[in-house]
Amino acid sequence: MAKLTIDDLKKIKDKVHAEMALRDGERRVKVTVHMGTCGIASGAREVLDSLMQEIEAAKVNDVVVTTSGCMGLCSREPLVTVEIVNQEPIKYEYMNTNKMRQVFKKHILEGEVQTPFVLARGAELIK
């Protein structure tokens, strides 16, 4: 195994701080990727990674990214909840990397809920 240099450690530190900054503080949008065992097995980790890449590429700093455990809807995984200030939360089902990119660009950045992927609005189930 190759030895890490001071520069390598600084790069790792900077990357972790940048990722943690998205999880801290007051923001306009909170996105929760549900990461229970069933969600991870269904691709939630890849969904989370694609979300983080989109946030970084768009250079936005008003989006908080969190994770949670299982929602109890294993057959609908991966699940993602988008909460925009002063709007009802939207729960998306059967997410994948492409759907997450679309939700980020259309819903989170432009405010257009991606209805084909919606499981629930607020506390009301759609399907």
C-alpha atoms as a PDB file:
ATOM      1  CA  MET A   1       0.000   0.000   0.000  1.00  0.00           C
ATOM      2  CA  ALA A   2       1.303   3.424  -0.939  1.00  0.00           C
ATOM      3  CA  LYS A   3       2.035   5.896   1.852  1.00  0.00           C
ATOM      4  CA  LEU A   4      -0.110   8.995   2.131  1.00  0.00           C
ATOM      5  CA  THR A   5       1.595  12.340   1.857  1.00  0.00           C
ATOM      6  CA  ILE A   6       0.679  15.529   3.693  1.00  0.00           C
ATOM      7  CA  ASP A   7      -0.870  16.825   0.443  1.00  0.00           C
ATOM      8  CA  ASP A   8      -2.993  13.658   0.171  1.00  0.00           C
ATOM      9  CA  LEU A   9      -4.262  14.155   3.706  1.00  0.00           C
ATOM     10  CA  LYS A  10      -5.070  17.827   3.031  1.00  0.00           C
ATOM     11  CA  LYS A  11      -7.072  16.852  -0.072  1.00  0.00           C
ATOM     12  CA  ILE A  12      -9.011  14.265   1.931  1.00  0.00           C
ATOM     13  CA  LYS A  13      -9.677  16.811   4.684  1.00  0.00           C
ATOM     14  CA  ASP A  14     -10.885  19.443   2.190  1.00  0.00           C
ATOM     15  CA  LYS A  15     -13.189  16.944   0.490  1.00  0.00           C
ATOM     16  CA  VAL A  16     -14.727  15.827   3.812  1.00  0.00           C
ATOM     17  CA  HIS A  17     -15.206  19.438   4.946  1.00  0.00           C
ATOM     18  CA  ALA A  18     -16.924  20.314   1.659  1.00  0.00           C
ATOM     19  CA  GLU A  19     -19.268  17.342   1.971  1.00  0.00           C
ATOM     20  CA  MET A  20     -20.034  18.096   5.630  1.00  0.00           C
ATOM     21  CA  ALA A  21     -20.785  21.742   4.809  1.00  0.00           C
ATOM     22  CA  LEU A  22     -23.745  20.502   2.771  1.00  0.00           C
ATOM     23  CA  ARG A  23     -25.121  18.809   5.884  1.00  0.00           C
ATOM     24  CA  ASP A  24     -24.794  21.770   8.256  1.00  0.00           C
ATOM     25  CA  GLY A  25     -26.565  25.062   8.730  1.00  0.00           C
ATOM     26  CA  GLU A  26     -29.730  26.748   7.553  1.00  0.00           C
ATOM     27  CA  ARG A  27     -30.524  26.035   3.945  1.00  0.00           C
ATOM     28  CA  ARG A  28     -33.344  26.428   1.399  1.00  0.00           C
ATOM     29  CA  VAL A  29     -33.664  22.695   0.639  1.00  0.00           C
ATOM     30  CA  LYS A  30     -33.227  19.515   2.662  1.00  0.00           C
ATOM     31  CA  VAL A  31     -32.856  16.254   0.743  1.00  0.00           C
ATOM     32  CA  THR A  32     -33.030  12.976   2.650  1.00  0.00           C
ATOM     33  CA  VAL A  33     -31.836   9.803   0.968  1.00  0.00           C
ATOM     34  CA  HIS A  34     -33.310   6.836   2.856  1.00  0.00           C
ATOM     35  CA  MET A  35     -30.422   4.447   3.447  1.00  0.00           C
ATOM     36  CA  GLY A  36     -31.807   1.442   5.269  1.00  0.00           C
ATOM     37  CA  THR A  37     -30.470  -1.959   4.270  1.00  0.00           C
ATOM     38  CA  CYS A  38     -33.207  -2.344   1.664  1.00  0.00           C
ATOM     39  CA  GLY A  39     -32.490   1.112   0.237  1.00  0.00           C
ATOM     40  CA  ILE A  40     -28.768   0.483  -0.015  1.00  0.00           C
ATOM     41  CA  ALA A  41     -29.409  -2.873  -1.698  1.00  0.00           C
ATOM     42  CA  SER A  42     -31.688  -1.091  -4.187  1.00  0.00           C
ATOM     43  CA  GLY A  43     -29.107   1.571  -5.110  1.00  0.00           C
ATOM     44  CA  ALA A  44     -29.537   4.382  -2.548  1.00  0.00           C
ATOM     45  CA  ARG A  45     -25.767   4.849  -2.210  1.00  0.00           C
ATOM     46  CA  GLU A  46     -25.457   5.511  -5.960  1.00  0.00           C
ATOM     47  CA  VAL A  47     -28.438   7.903  -5.748  1.00  0.00           C
ATOM     48  CA  LEU A  48     -26.724   9.781  -2.893  1.00  0.00           C
ATOM     49  CA  ASP A  49     -23.449   9.932  -4.831  1.00  0.00           C
ATOM     50  CA  SER A  50     -25.176  11.324  -7.932  1.00  0.00           C
ATOM     51  CA  LEU A  51     -26.939  13.971  -5.810  1.00  0.00           C
ATOM     52  CA  MET A  52     -23.656  15.057  -4.257  1.00  0.00           C
ATOM     53  CA  GLN A  53     -22.043  15.257  -7.707  1.00  0.00           C
ATOM     54  CA  GLU A  54     -24.910  17.407  -9.032  1.00  0.00           C
ATOM     55  CA  ILE A  55     -24.682  19.762  -6.051  1.00  0.00           C
ATOM     56  CA  GLU A  56     -20.942  20.122  -6.538  1.00  0.00           C
ATOM     57  CA  ALA A  57     -21.246  20.661 -10.303  1.00  0.00           C
ATOM     58  CA  ALA A  58     -23.982  23.290  -9.840  1.00  0.00           C
ATOM     59  CA  LYS A  59     -21.959  25.008  -7.102  1.00  0.00           C
ATOM     60  CA  VAL A  60     -25.031  25.465  -4.890  1.00  0.00           C
ATOM     61  CA  ASN A  61     -24.659  25.898  -1.149  1.00  0.00           C
ATOM     62  CA  ASP A  62     -28.268  26.117  -0.017  1.00  0.00           C
ATOM     63  CA  VAL A  63     -29.030  22.375  -0.094  1.00  0.00           C
ATOM     64  CA  VAL A  64     -28.639  20.178   3.001  1.00  0.00           C
ATOM     65  CA  VAL A  65     -28.155  16.474   2.295  1.00  0.00           C
ATOM     66  CA  THR A  66     -29.028  13.962   5.000  1.00  0.00           C
ATOM     67  CA  THR A  67     -29.566  10.245   5.228  1.00  0.00           C
ATOM     68  CA  SER A  68     -31.989   8.212   7.270  1.00  0.00           C
ATOM     69  CA  GLY A  69     -32.857   4.606   7.919  1.00  0.00           C
ATOM     70  CA  CYS A  70     -35.651   2.571   6.423  1.00  0.00           C
ATOM     71  CA  MET A  71     -39.074   4.163   5.874  1.00  0.00           C
ATOM     72  CA  GLY A  72     -40.799   0.775   5.906  1.00  0.00           C
ATOM     73  CA  LEU A  73     -41.599   0.832   2.179  1.00  0.00           C
ATOM     74  CA  CYS A  74     -38.953  -1.613   1.008  1.00  0.00           C
ATOM     75  CA  SER A  75     -40.752  -2.393  -2.246  1.00  0.00           C
ATOM     76  CA  ARG A  76     -40.531   1.307  -3.280  1.00  0.00           C
ATOM     77  CA  GLU A  77     -36.790   1.794  -2.651  1.00  0.00           C
ATOM     78  CA  PRO A  78     -34.663   3.768  -3.210  1.00  0.00           C
ATOM     79  CA  LEU A  79     -36.676   6.579  -1.629  1.00  0.00           C
ATOM     80  CA  VAL A  80     -35.748  10.275  -1.466  1.00  0.00           C
ATOM     81  CA  THR A  81     -37.555  13.079   0.384  1.00  0.00           C
ATOM     82  CA  VAL A  82     -37.196  16.671  -0.847  1.00  0.00           C
ATOM     83  CA  GLU A  83     -38.199  19.446   1.564  1.00  0.00           C
ATOM     84  CA  ILE A  84     -38.131  22.994   0.234  1.00  0.00           C
ATOM     85  CA  VAL A  85     -38.752  25.826   2.695  1.00  0.00           C
ATOM     86  CA  ASN A  86     -42.461  26.770   2.871  1.00  0.00           C
ATOM     87  CA  GLN A  87     -43.534  23.856   0.649  1.00  0.00           C
ATOM     88  CA  GLU A  88     -44.901  20.434   1.435  1.00  0.00           C
ATOM     89  CA  PRO A  89     -42.336  17.616   1.442  1.00  0.00           C
ATOM     90  CA  ILE A  90     -42.229  15.376  -1.621  1.00  0.00           C
ATOM     91  CA  LYS A  91     -41.283  11.707  -1.353  1.00  0.00           C
ATOM     92  CA  TYR A  92     -39.875  10.166  -4.511  1.00  0.00           C
ATOM     93  CA  GLU A  93     -39.851   6.400  -5.120  1.00  0.00           C
ATOM     94  CA  TYR A  94     -37.882   3.958  -7.284  1.00  0.00           C
ATOM     95  CA  MET A  95     -35.050   6.473  -7.606  1.00  0.00           C
ATOM     96  CA  ASN A  96     -31.903   5.881  -9.636  1.00  0.00           C
ATOM     97  CA  THR A  97     -29.004   8.110 -10.618  1.00  0.00           C
ATOM     98  CA  ASN A  98     -30.750   9.537 -13.698  1.00  0.00           C
ATOM     99  CA  LYS A  99     -33.991  10.258 -11.817  1.00  0.00           C
ATOM    100  CA  MET A 100     -31.996  11.905  -9.002  1.00  0.00           C
ATOM    101  CA  ARG A 101     -30.241  14.182 -11.491  1.00  0.00           C
ATOM    102  CA  GLN A 102     -33.609  15.117 -12.992  1.00  0.00           C
ATOM    103  CA  VAL A 103     -35.155  15.787  -9.560  1.00  0.00           C
ATOM    104  CA  PHE A 104     -32.157  17.939  -8.641  1.00  0.00           C
ATOM    105  CA  LYS A 105     -32.253  19.998 -11.823  1.00  0.00           C
ATOM    106  CA  LYS A 106     -36.024  20.325 -12.190  1.00  0.00           C
ATOM    107  CA  HIS A 107     -37.417  20.213  -8.654  1.00  0.00           C
ATOM    108  CA  ILE A 108     -34.627  21.444  -6.406  1.00  0.00           C
ATOM    109  CA  LEU A 109     -33.239  24.120  -8.727  1.00  0.00           C
ATOM    110  CA  GLU A 110     -36.370  25.114 -10.691  1.00  0.00           C
ATOM    111  CA  GLY A 111     -39.228  24.197  -8.319  1.00  0.00           C
ATOM    112  CA  GLU A 112     -40.958  21.791 -10.717  1.00  0.00           C
ATOM    113  CA  VAL A 113     -42.064  18.632  -8.889  1.00  0.00           C
ATOM    114  CA  GLN A 114     -41.279  15.533 -10.948  1.00  0.00           C
ATOM    115  CA  THR A 115     -44.742  13.979 -10.708  1.00  0.00           C
ATOM    116  CA  PRO A 116     -43.989  10.626 -12.419  1.00  0.00           C
ATOM    117  CA  PHE A 117     -41.620   9.709  -9.567  1.00  0.00           C
ATOM    118  CA  VAL A 118     -43.758  10.990  -6.643  1.00  0.00           C
ATOM    119  CA  LEU A 119     -44.921   8.552  -3.978  1.00  0.00           C
ATOM    120  CA  ALA A 120     -46.340  11.153  -1.571  1.00  0.00           C
ATOM    121  CA  ARG A 121     -46.910  14.879  -1.100  1.00  0.00           C
ATOM    122  CA  GLY A 122     -46.766  15.905   2.534  1.00  0.00           C
ATOM    123  CA  ALA A 123     -48.544  13.139   4.468  1.00  0.00           C
ATOM    124  CA  GLU A 124     -50.741  12.137   1.518  1.00  0.00           C
ATOM    125  CA  LEU A 125     -49.862   9.047  -0.524  1.00  0.00           C
ATOM    126  CA  ILE A 126     -50.310   9.596  -4.264  1.00  0.00           C
ATOM    127  CA  LYS A 127     -50.304   5.990  -5.405  1.00  0.00           C
END
